[in-house]
N, C-alpha and C. Protein backbone atom coordinates (compact mmCIF):
# COMPACT_ATOMS: atom_id res chain seq x y z
N UNK A 1 -6.85 -7.14 10.64
CA UNK A 1 -5.37 -7.26 10.25
C UNK A 1 -4.70 -5.97 11.01
N UNK A 2 -3.80 -6.09 11.37
CA UNK A 2 -3.21 -5.29 12.05
C UNK A 2 -1.64 -4.25 10.94
N UNK A 3 -1.75 -3.26 10.73
CA UNK A 3 -0.82 -2.77 9.81
C UNK A 3 0.18 -2.38 10.36
N UNK A 4 1.48 -2.98 10.67
CA UNK A 4 2.42 -2.38 11.53
C UNK A 4 3.28 -1.17 10.99
N UNK A 5 3.21 -1.32 9.50
CA UNK A 5 4.06 -0.25 8.59
C UNK A 5 3.09 1.26 8.95
N UNK A 6 1.80 1.34 8.95
CA UNK A 6 1.19 2.55 9.12
C UNK A 6 1.40 2.98 10.66
N UNK A 7 1.30 1.60 11.52
CA UNK A 7 1.61 2.54 12.90
C UNK A 7 2.61 2.93 13.40
N UNK A 8 3.78 2.16 12.73
CA UNK A 8 5.23 2.69 12.61
C UNK A 8 5.24 3.92 12.14
N UNK A 9 4.72 4.00 11.32
CA UNK A 9 4.97 5.81 10.30
C UNK A 9 4.14 6.96 11.29
N UNK A 10 3.14 6.33 12.06
CA UNK A 10 2.22 7.27 12.74
C UNK A 10 3.23 7.52 14.17
N UNK A 11 3.87 6.59 14.53
CA UNK A 11 4.54 6.82 15.78
C UNK A 11 5.70 7.70 15.25
N UNK A 12 6.51 7.33 14.12
CA UNK A 12 7.70 8.06 13.62
C UNK A 12 7.18 9.83 13.50
N UNK A 13 5.93 9.72 12.65
CA UNK A 13 5.55 11.38 12.58
C UNK A 13 5.29 11.96 13.64
N UNK A 14 4.62 11.39 14.88
CA UNK A 14 4.37 12.32 16.14
C UNK A 14 5.45 12.08 16.97
N UNK A 15 6.38 11.33 17.10
CA UNK A 15 7.47 11.39 18.15
C UNK A 15 8.88 11.63 17.48
N UNK A 16 8.99 11.21 16.17
CA UNK A 16 10.10 11.38 15.90
C UNK A 16 11.24 10.02 16.02
N UNK A 17 10.33 9.03 16.74
CA UNK A 17 11.34 7.92 17.04
C UNK A 17 10.98 6.76 15.96
N UNK A 18 12.06 6.34 15.31
CA UNK A 18 11.87 5.34 14.29
C UNK A 18 11.99 3.94 15.01
N UNK A 19 11.12 3.12 14.90
CA UNK A 19 11.07 1.86 15.53
C UNK A 19 11.09 0.54 14.35
N UNK A 20 11.38 -0.49 14.90
CA UNK A 20 11.63 -1.82 13.80
C UNK A 20 9.98 -2.22 14.18
N UNK A 21 9.63 -2.90 12.81
CA UNK A 21 8.32 -3.44 13.08
C UNK A 21 8.15 -4.44 14.27
N UNK A 22 9.13 -5.17 14.62
CA UNK A 22 9.00 -6.09 15.51
C UNK A 22 9.00 -5.31 17.21
N UNK A 23 9.50 -4.06 17.34
CA UNK A 23 9.68 -3.33 18.66
C UNK A 23 8.12 -2.83 18.49
N UNK A 24 7.54 -2.33 17.36
CA UNK A 24 6.14 -1.64 17.13
C UNK A 24 5.37 -2.59 17.97
N UNK A 25 5.51 -4.09 17.26
CA UNK A 25 4.56 -4.86 17.81
C UNK A 25 4.74 -5.22 19.43
N UNK A 26 5.80 -5.00 19.53
CA UNK A 26 6.09 -5.65 21.31
C UNK A 26 5.47 -4.48 21.93
N UNK A 27 5.65 -3.04 21.53
CA UNK A 27 4.87 -1.95 22.43
C UNK A 27 3.38 -1.78 22.42
N UNK A 28 2.73 -2.69 21.21
CA UNK A 28 1.30 -2.66 21.13
C UNK A 28 0.77 -3.78 22.01
N UNK A 29 1.46 -5.09 21.99
CA UNK A 29 1.33 -5.82 22.98
C UNK A 29 1.40 -5.40 24.50
N UNK A 30 2.57 -4.69 24.97
CA UNK A 30 2.74 -4.04 26.22
C UNK A 30 1.61 -3.11 26.67
N UNK A 31 1.05 -2.51 25.63
CA UNK A 31 0.09 -1.33 25.87
C UNK A 31 -1.50 -1.80 25.99
N UNK A 32 -1.38 -3.25 25.70
CA UNK A 32 -2.73 -3.79 25.62
C UNK A 32 -3.38 -3.68 24.45
N UNK A 33 -2.89 -3.02 23.01
CA UNK A 33 -3.60 -2.78 22.03
C UNK A 33 -3.73 -4.06 21.11
N UNK A 34 -2.84 -4.75 21.22
CA UNK A 34 -2.69 -6.00 20.67
C UNK A 34 -2.46 -7.29 21.72
N UNK A 35 -3.46 -8.19 21.40
CA UNK A 35 -3.15 -9.54 22.52
C UNK A 35 -1.82 -10.22 22.04
N UNK A 36 -1.38 -10.95 22.91
CA UNK A 36 0.03 -11.69 22.48
C UNK A 36 -0.73 -12.81 21.53
N UNK A 37 -1.92 -13.36 21.59
CA UNK A 37 -2.21 -14.19 20.43
C UNK A 37 -2.33 -13.60 19.14
N UNK A 38 -2.84 -12.41 19.12
CA UNK A 38 -2.94 -11.90 17.95
C UNK A 38 -1.20 -11.57 17.34
N UNK A 39 -0.62 -11.20 18.17
CA UNK A 39 0.85 -10.94 17.72
C UNK A 39 1.54 -12.13 17.30
N UNK A 40 1.29 -13.44 17.77
CA UNK A 40 1.67 -14.55 17.40
C UNK A 40 1.23 -15.23 15.75
N UNK A 41 0.08 -14.55 15.71
CA UNK A 41 -0.63 -14.90 14.36
C UNK A 41 -0.12 -14.14 13.19
N UNK A 42 0.64 -14.93 12.19
CA UNK A 42 1.30 -14.15 11.16
C UNK A 42 0.27 -13.54 10.19
N UNK A 43 -0.99 -14.41 10.35
CA UNK A 43 -2.07 -13.93 9.43
C UNK A 43 -2.52 -12.58 9.80
N UNK A 44 -2.48 -12.12 11.18
CA UNK A 44 -2.89 -10.96 11.69
C UNK A 44 -2.32 -9.53 11.40
N UNK A 45 -1.05 -10.03 10.97
CA UNK A 45 -0.01 -8.86 11.12
C UNK A 45 0.54 -8.47 9.85
N UNK A 46 0.09 -7.44 9.27
CA UNK A 46 0.48 -6.83 7.85
C UNK A 46 2.19 -6.38 8.06
N UNK A 47 3.00 -6.93 7.22
CA UNK A 47 4.41 -6.59 7.33
C UNK A 47 4.90 -5.72 6.24
N UNK A 48 3.97 -5.78 5.23
CA UNK A 48 4.23 -5.22 3.88
C UNK A 48 3.81 -6.46 2.73
N UNK A 49 4.12 -5.90 1.26
CA UNK A 49 4.06 -6.85 0.57
C UNK A 49 4.89 -7.80 -0.19
N UNK A 50 6.16 -7.64 0.51
CA UNK A 50 7.28 -8.27 0.07
C UNK A 50 6.97 -9.78 0.09
N UNK A 51 6.21 -10.44 0.56
CA UNK A 51 6.05 -11.78 0.63
C UNK A 51 5.03 -12.07 -0.78
N UNK A 52 4.53 -11.42 -1.23
CA UNK A 52 3.75 -11.46 -2.37
C UNK A 52 4.14 -10.96 -3.74
N UNK A 53 5.06 -9.98 -3.54
CA UNK A 53 5.70 -9.44 -4.95
C UNK A 53 7.36 -9.22 -4.75
N UNK A 54 8.01 -9.43 -5.73
CA UNK A 54 9.54 -9.20 -5.72
C UNK A 54 9.99 -7.91 -5.15
N UNK A 55 9.29 -6.74 -5.46
CA UNK A 55 9.71 -5.67 -4.89
C UNK A 55 8.38 -5.02 -4.12
N UNK A 56 8.71 -3.66 -3.23
CA UNK A 56 7.68 -3.22 -2.96
C UNK A 56 7.34 -1.77 -3.51
N UNK A 57 8.24 -1.69 -4.70
CA UNK A 57 8.20 -0.33 -5.31
C UNK A 57 6.61 -0.03 -6.10
N UNK A 58 5.97 0.75 -6.08
CA UNK A 58 4.87 1.05 -6.61
C UNK A 58 5.22 1.68 -8.19
N UNK A 59 4.65 0.93 -8.87
CA UNK A 59 5.00 1.19 -10.43
C UNK A 59 3.73 0.78 -11.26
N UNK A 60 3.73 1.53 -12.23
CA UNK A 60 2.40 0.93 -13.08
C UNK A 60 3.25 1.41 -14.57
N UNK A 61 2.65 0.36 -15.41
CA UNK A 61 2.68 0.43 -16.80
C UNK A 61 1.70 1.28 -17.56
N UNK A 62 2.38 2.12 -18.30
CA UNK A 62 1.54 3.32 -18.69
C UNK A 62 1.59 2.89 -20.45
N UNK A 63 0.27 2.72 -20.70
CA UNK A 63 0.18 2.45 -22.41
C UNK A 63 -0.58 3.36 -23.13
N UNK A 64 -0.09 3.45 -24.18
CA UNK A 64 -0.75 4.48 -25.02
C UNK A 64 -2.21 4.09 -25.40
N UNK A 65 -3.14 4.82 -25.50
CA UNK A 65 -4.60 4.72 -25.87
C UNK A 65 -4.96 5.48 -27.10
N UNK A 66 -3.95 5.66 -27.96
CA UNK A 66 -4.16 6.23 -29.18
C UNK A 66 -5.01 5.08 -30.10
N UNK A 67 -4.72 4.12 -29.89
CA UNK A 67 -5.55 2.90 -31.03
C UNK A 67 -7.07 2.82 -30.41
N UNK A 68 -7.70 3.69 -29.52
CA UNK A 68 -8.88 3.63 -28.75
C UNK A 68 -9.39 4.98 -29.41
N UNK A 69 -8.59 5.77 -29.89
CA UNK A 69 -9.27 7.36 -30.20
C UNK A 69 -8.98 7.36 -31.82
N UNK A 70 -10.07 7.64 -32.58
CA UNK A 70 -9.90 7.93 -34.02
C UNK A 70 -10.66 9.29 -34.20
N UNK A 71 -10.08 9.83 -35.45
CA UNK A 71 -10.57 11.32 -35.70
C UNK A 71 -10.50 11.16 -37.22
N UNK A 72 -11.77 11.44 -37.98
CA UNK A 72 -11.79 11.55 -39.33
C UNK A 72 -11.20 12.75 -39.92
N UNK A 73 -11.46 13.98 -39.09
CA UNK A 73 -11.19 15.21 -39.72
C UNK A 73 -10.74 16.14 -38.56
N UNK A 74 -9.79 16.92 -38.47
CA UNK A 74 -9.09 17.63 -37.46
C UNK A 74 -10.20 18.57 -36.93
N UNK A 75 -11.24 19.17 -37.38
CA UNK A 75 -12.43 19.88 -36.76
C UNK A 75 -13.47 19.15 -36.35
N UNK A 76 -13.50 17.80 -36.72
CA UNK A 76 -14.65 16.80 -36.05
C UNK A 76 -14.05 16.68 -34.39
N UNK A 77 -15.26 16.44 -33.92
CA UNK A 77 -15.49 16.08 -32.61
C UNK A 77 -14.68 15.02 -32.15
N UNK A 78 -13.81 14.46 -31.22
CA UNK A 78 -13.00 13.35 -30.98
C UNK A 78 -14.04 12.08 -30.80
N UNK A 79 -13.87 10.90 -31.33
CA UNK A 79 -14.79 9.88 -31.09
C UNK A 79 -13.92 8.80 -30.27
N UNK A 80 -14.52 8.29 -29.25
CA UNK A 80 -13.96 7.26 -28.71
C UNK A 80 -14.67 5.92 -28.77
N UNK A 81 -13.80 4.69 -29.09
CA UNK A 81 -14.54 3.53 -29.58
C UNK A 81 -15.38 2.80 -28.33
N UNK A 82 -16.46 2.79 -28.49
CA UNK A 82 -17.24 1.90 -27.39
C UNK A 82 -17.81 2.97 -26.65
N UNK A 83 -18.21 4.25 -26.84
CA UNK A 83 -18.92 5.26 -26.13
C UNK A 83 -19.80 6.04 -27.21
């Protein structure tokens, strides 16, 4: 799979030139790094996660683990259930 986002970021970092994903792919084909057949195959081109998720925001749900830890006495060593 060809990750255009990563390649575009590398071009920007090394040259300071910001390209669209389509222009990045065009240049890869022109340079012979990607074949025209690969460029036409939507399954070969990674354009982000937007087709799979509502947003591309990296977010995690943080849940309390207090229910997994119990302590009978403050001076006692903390015990974790299951270990």
